[in-house]
Amino acid sequence: MLFALIMPATDSPVKVHQFKKLDAALTACDFYNYKAGSRHYILNEEGKEYYEDFWID
């Protein structure tokens, strides 16, 4: 399964990074959420968002 880290930006197109492991995606998401002002989030192949230990629609 692949996980996508969605990185919104106000001055450029949205960036998407793919990870094979959820823990790697979570680490990157935590890093960028701490570093940047915008919210970054993770989607799975089904299009569900990972939020506070749950997959939501």
PDB file of N, CA and C in Angstrom:
ATOM      1  N   MET A   1       0.842  -1.179   0.000  1.00  0.00           N
ATOM      2  CA  MET A   1       0.000   0.000   0.000  1.00  0.00           C
ATOM      3  C   MET A   1       0.883   1.237   0.000  1.00  0.00           C
ATOM      4  N   LEU A   2       0.435   2.262  -0.713  1.00  0.00           N
ATOM      5  CA  LEU A   2       1.134   3.533  -0.740  1.00  0.00           C
ATOM      6  C   LEU A   2       0.375   4.565   0.078  1.00  0.00           C
ATOM      7  N   PHE A   3       1.133   5.476   0.662  1.00  0.00           N
ATOM      8  CA  PHE A   3       0.570   6.570   1.433  1.00  0.00           C
ATOM      9  C   PHE A   3       1.097   7.871   0.835  1.00  0.00           C
ATOM     10  N   ALA A   4       0.241   8.853   0.700  1.00  0.00           N
ATOM     11  CA  ALA A   4       0.629  10.127   0.102  1.00  0.00           C
ATOM     12  C   ALA A   4       0.624  11.220   1.159  1.00  0.00           C
ATOM     13  N   LEU A   5       1.708  11.968   1.223  1.00  0.00           N
ATOM     14  CA  LEU A   5       1.797  13.160   2.062  1.00  0.00           C
ATOM     15  C   LEU A   5       1.423  14.345   1.182  1.00  0.00           C
ATOM     16  N   ILE A   6       0.331  15.009   1.494  1.00  0.00           N
ATOM     17  CA  ILE A   6      -0.154  16.138   0.724  1.00  0.00           C
ATOM     18  C   ILE A   6       0.376  17.421   1.363  1.00  0.00           C
ATOM     19  N   MET A   7       1.063  18.224   0.564  1.00  0.00           N
ATOM     20  CA  MET A   7       1.706  19.430   1.066  1.00  0.00           C
ATOM     21  C   MET A   7       1.126  20.653   0.359  1.00  0.00           C
ATOM     22  N   PRO A   8       0.081  21.273   0.937  1.00  0.00           N
ATOM     23  CA  PRO A   8      -0.494  22.466   0.315  1.00  0.00           C
ATOM     24  C   PRO A   8       0.468  23.645   0.399  1.00  0.00           C
ATOM     25  N   ALA A   9       0.365  24.517  -0.576  1.00  0.00           N
ATOM     26  CA  ALA A   9       1.204  25.720  -0.578  1.00  0.00           C
ATOM     27  C   ALA A   9       0.388  26.886  -1.110  1.00  0.00           C
ATOM     28  N   THR A  10       0.608  28.049  -0.565  1.00  0.00           N
ATOM     29  CA  THR A  10      -0.162  29.220  -0.992  1.00  0.00           C
ATOM     30  C   THR A  10       0.395  29.834  -2.269  1.00  0.00           C
ATOM     31  N   ASP A  11       1.689  29.661  -2.512  1.00  0.00           N
ATOM     32  CA  ASP A  11       2.312  30.325  -3.661  1.00  0.00           C
ATOM     33  C   ASP A  11       2.759  29.370  -4.761  1.00  0.00           C
ATOM     34  N   SER A  12       2.427  28.087  -4.655  1.00  0.00           N
ATOM     35  CA  SER A  12       2.833  27.116  -5.666  1.00  0.00           C
ATOM     36  C   SER A  12       1.841  25.951  -5.672  1.00  0.00           C
ATOM     37  N   PRO A  13       1.933  25.080  -6.669  1.00  0.00           N
ATOM     38  CA  PRO A  13       1.022  23.929  -6.715  1.00  0.00           C
ATOM     39  C   PRO A  13       1.197  23.011  -5.505  1.00  0.00           C
ATOM     40  N   VAL A  14       0.182  22.242  -5.242  1.00  0.00           N
ATOM     41  CA  VAL A  14       0.236  21.256  -4.159  1.00  0.00           C
ATOM     42  C   VAL A  14       1.308  20.230  -4.486  1.00  0.00           C
ATOM     43  N   LYS A  15       2.092  19.839  -3.494  1.00  0.00           N
ATOM     44  CA  LYS A  15       3.113  18.809  -3.676  1.00  0.00           C
ATOM     45  C   LYS A  15       2.633  17.521  -3.035  1.00  0.00           C
ATOM     46  N   VAL A  16       2.945  16.413  -3.675  1.00  0.00           N
ATOM     47  CA  VAL A  16       2.560  15.103  -3.160  1.00  0.00           C
ATOM     48  C   VAL A  16       3.809  14.231  -3.111  1.00  0.00           C
ATOM     49  N   HIS A  17       4.058  13.638  -1.952  1.00  0.00           N
ATOM     50  CA  HIS A  17       5.159  12.692  -1.786  1.00  0.00           C
ATOM     51  C   HIS A  17       4.557  11.348  -1.414  1.00  0.00           C
ATOM     52  N   GLN A  18       5.060  10.277  -2.040  1.00  0.00           N
ATOM     53  CA  GLN A  18       4.536   8.942  -1.759  1.00  0.00           C
ATOM     54  C   GLN A  18       5.497   8.163  -0.875  1.00  0.00           C
ATOM     55  N   PHE A  19       4.912   7.372   0.041  1.00  0.00           N
ATOM     56  CA  PHE A  19       5.674   6.527   0.953  1.00  0.00           C
ATOM     57  C   PHE A  19       5.088   5.124   0.935  1.00  0.00           C
ATOM     58  N   LYS A  20       5.944   4.134   1.048  1.00  0.00           N
ATOM     59  CA  LYS A  20       5.484   2.744   1.122  1.00  0.00           C
ATOM     60  C   LYS A  20       5.095   2.355   2.537  1.00  0.00           C
ATOM     61  N   LYS A  21       5.633   3.064   3.526  1.00  0.00           N
ATOM     62  CA  LYS A  21       5.367   2.737   4.935  1.00  0.00           C
ATOM     63  C   LYS A  21       4.655   3.894   5.618  1.00  0.00           C
ATOM     64  N   LEU A  22       3.627   3.557   6.382  1.00  0.00           N
ATOM     65  CA  LEU A  22       2.863   4.580   7.091  1.00  0.00           C
ATOM     66  C   LEU A  22       3.734   5.345   8.074  1.00  0.00           C
ATOM     67  N   ASP A  23       4.611   4.657   8.796  1.00  0.00           N
ATOM     68  CA  ASP A  23       5.431   5.355   9.791  1.00  0.00           C
ATOM     69  C   ASP A  23       6.345   6.391   9.143  1.00  0.00           C
ATOM     70  N   ALA A  24       6.838   6.128   7.947  1.00  0.00           N
ATOM     71  CA  ALA A  24       7.669   7.108   7.238  1.00  0.00           C
ATOM     72  C   ALA A  24       6.828   8.317   6.835  1.00  0.00           C
ATOM     73  N   ALA A  25       5.614   8.080   6.368  1.00  0.00           N
ATOM     74  CA  ALA A  25       4.719   9.177   5.996  1.00  0.00           C
ATOM     75  C   ALA A  25       4.361  10.013   7.221  1.00  0.00           C
ATOM     76  N   LEU A  26       4.102   9.361   8.353  1.00  0.00           N
ATOM     77  CA  LEU A  26       3.763  10.084   9.581  1.00  0.00           C
ATOM     78  C   LEU A  26       4.933  10.939  10.070  1.00  0.00           C
ATOM     79  N   THR A  27       6.135  10.408   9.987  1.00  0.00           N
ATOM     80  CA  THR A  27       7.321  11.162  10.400  1.00  0.00           C
ATOM     81  C   THR A  27       7.488  12.408   9.536  1.00  0.00           C
ATOM     82  N   ALA A  28       7.339  12.255   8.231  1.00  0.00           N
ATOM     83  CA  ALA A  28       7.463  13.392   7.321  1.00  0.00           C
ATOM     84  C   ALA A  28       6.347  14.404   7.581  1.00  0.00           C
ATOM     85  N   CYS A  29       5.149  13.920   7.807  1.00  0.00           N
ATOM     86  CA  CYS A  29       4.008  14.801   8.068  1.00  0.00           C
ATOM     87  C   CYS A  29       4.230  15.610   9.346  1.00  0.00           C
ATOM     88  N   ASP A  30       4.666  14.947  10.399  1.00  0.00           N
ATOM     89  CA  ASP A  30       4.956  15.645  11.657  1.00  0.00           C
ATOM     90  C   ASP A  30       6.034  16.707  11.459  1.00  0.00           C
ATOM     91  N   PHE A  31       7.085  16.355  10.717  1.00  0.00           N
ATOM     92  CA  PHE A  31       8.177  17.293  10.456  1.00  0.00           C
ATOM     93  C   PHE A  31       7.669  18.542   9.729  1.00  0.00           C
ATOM     94  N   TYR A  32       6.925  18.349   8.652  1.00  0.00           N
ATOM     95  CA  TYR A  32       6.461  19.490   7.869  1.00  0.00           C
ATOM     96  C   TYR A  32       5.372  20.284   8.580  1.00  0.00           C
ATOM     97  N   ASN A  33       4.536  19.638   9.376  1.00  0.00           N
ATOM     98  CA  ASN A  33       3.534  20.384  10.138  1.00  0.00           C
ATOM     99  C   ASN A  33       4.199  21.267  11.185  1.00  0.00           C
ATOM    100  N   TYR A  34       5.301  20.803  11.760  1.00  0.00           N
ATOM    101  CA  TYR A  34       6.043  21.601  12.740  1.00  0.00           C
ATOM    102  C   TYR A  34       6.779  22.749  12.053  1.00  0.00           C
ATOM    103  N   LYS A  35       7.323  22.482  10.865  1.00  0.00           N
ATOM    104  CA  LYS A  35       8.169  23.442  10.151  1.00  0.00           C
ATOM    105  C   LYS A  35       7.366  24.527   9.426  1.00  0.00           C
ATOM    106  N   ALA A  36       6.230  24.157   8.860  1.00  0.00           N
ATOM    107  CA  ALA A  36       5.484  25.075   7.997  1.00  0.00           C
ATOM    108  C   ALA A  36       4.212  25.571   8.680  1.00  0.00           C
ATOM    109  N   GLY A  37       3.652  26.618   8.122  1.00  0.00           N
ATOM    110  CA  GLY A  37       2.428  27.175   8.669  1.00  0.00           C
ATOM    111  C   GLY A  37       1.171  26.461   8.193  1.00  0.00           C
ATOM    112  N   SER A  38       1.255  25.800   7.046  1.00  0.00           N
ATOM    113  CA  SER A  38       0.069  25.121   6.518  1.00  0.00           C
ATOM    114  C   SER A  38       0.000  23.684   7.029  1.00  0.00           C
ATOM    115  N   ARG A  39      -1.187  23.106   6.965  1.00  0.00           N
ATOM    116  CA  ARG A  39      -1.411  21.748   7.462  1.00  0.00           C
ATOM    117  C   ARG A  39      -1.116  20.739   6.362  1.00  0.00           C
ATOM    118  N   HIS A  40      -0.302  19.751   6.688  1.00  0.00           N
ATOM    119  CA  HIS A  40       0.010  18.663   5.777  1.00  0.00           C
ATOM    120  C   HIS A  40      -0.747  17.427   6.249  1.00  0.00           C
ATOM    121  N   TYR A  41      -1.128  16.579   5.346  1.00  0.00           N
ATOM    122  CA  TYR A  41      -1.907  15.419   5.748  1.00  0.00           C
ATOM    123  C   TYR A  41      -1.595  14.211   4.881  1.00  0.00           C
ATOM    124  N   ILE A  42      -2.056  13.038   5.336  1.00  0.00           N
ATOM    125  CA  ILE A  42      -1.756  11.768   4.684  1.00  0.00           C
ATOM    126  C   ILE A  42      -3.043  11.151   4.162  1.00  0.00           C
ATOM    127  N   LEU A  43      -2.976  10.663   2.915  1.00  0.00           N
ATOM    128  CA  LEU A  43      -4.073   9.922   2.311  1.00  0.00           C
ATOM    129  C   LEU A  43      -3.587   8.518   1.972  1.00  0.00           C
ATOM    130  N   ASN A  44      -4.498   7.531   2.099  1.00  0.00           N
ATOM    131  CA  ASN A  44      -4.151   6.189   1.646  1.00  0.00           C
ATOM    132  C   ASN A  44      -4.648   5.998   0.224  1.00  0.00           C
ATOM    133  N   GLU A  45      -4.448   4.797  -0.337  1.00  0.00           N
ATOM    134  CA  GLU A  45      -4.836   4.532  -1.716  1.00  0.00           C
ATOM    135  C   GLU A  45      -6.345   4.612  -1.935  1.00  0.00           C
ATOM    136  N   GLU A  46      -7.113   4.512  -0.862  1.00  0.00           N
ATOM    137  CA  GLU A  46      -8.569   4.608  -0.957  1.00  0.00           C
ATOM    138  C   GLU A  46      -9.059   6.053  -0.870  1.00  0.00           C
ATOM    139  N   GLY A  47      -8.134   6.996  -0.659  1.00  0.00           N
ATOM    140  CA  GLY A  47      -8.502   8.399  -0.556  1.00  0.00           C
ATOM    141  C   GLY A  47      -8.941   8.827   0.825  1.00  0.00           C
ATOM    142  N   LYS A  48      -8.712   7.967   1.827  1.00  0.00           N
ATOM    143  CA  LYS A  48      -9.079   8.324   3.200  1.00  0.00           C
ATOM    144  C   LYS A  48      -7.914   9.035   3.878  1.00  0.00           C
ATOM    145  N   GLU A  49      -8.252  10.022   4.704  1.00  0.00           N
ATOM    146  CA  GLU A  49      -7.248  10.794   5.432  1.00  0.00           C
ATOM    147  C   GLU A  49      -6.962  10.153   6.787  1.00  0.00           C
ATOM    148  N   TYR A  50      -5.674  10.133   7.148  1.00  0.00           N
ATOM    149  CA  TYR A  50      -5.269   9.647   8.467  1.00  0.00           C
ATOM    150  C   TYR A  50      -5.301  10.825   9.425  1.00  0.00           C
ATOM    151  N   TYR A  51      -6.140  10.721  10.458  1.00  0.00           N
ATOM    152  CA  TYR A  51      -6.301  11.824  11.401  1.00  0.00           C
ATOM    153  C   TYR A  51      -6.465  11.267  12.804  1.00  0.00           C
ATOM    154  N   GLU A  52      -5.523  11.619  13.675  1.00  0.00           N
ATOM    155  CA  GLU A  52      -5.553  11.198  15.079  1.00  0.00           C
ATOM    156  C   GLU A  52      -5.806   9.700  15.235  1.00  0.00           C
ATOM    157  N   ASP A  53      -4.991   8.902  14.565  1.00  0.00           N
ATOM    158  CA  ASP A  53      -4.989   7.431  14.648  1.00  0.00           C
ATOM    159  C   ASP A  53      -6.183   6.762  13.984  1.00  0.00           C
ATOM    160  N   PHE A  54      -6.927   7.471  13.134  1.00  0.00           N
ATOM    161  CA  PHE A  54      -8.074   6.894  12.440  1.00  0.00           C
ATOM    162  C   PHE A  54      -8.018   7.274  10.960  1.00  0.00           C
ATOM    163  N   TRP A  55      -8.572   6.405  10.125  1.00  0.00           N
ATOM    164  CA  TRP A  55      -8.762   6.710   8.705  1.00  0.00           C
ATOM    165  C   TRP A  55     -10.175   7.242   8.532  1.00  0.00           C
ATOM    166  N   ILE A  56     -10.301   8.453   7.994  1.00  0.00           N
ATOM    167  CA  ILE A  56     -11.620   9.065   7.834  1.00  0.00           C
ATOM    168  C   ILE A  56     -11.882   9.382   6.363  1.00  0.00           C
ATOM    169  N   ASP A  57     -13.156   9.467   6.000  1.00  0.00           N
ATOM    170  CA  ASP A  57     -13.537   9.811   4.620  1.00  0.00           C
ATOM    171  C   ASP A  57     -13.367  11.288   4.376  1.00  0.00           C
TER     172      ASP A  57
END
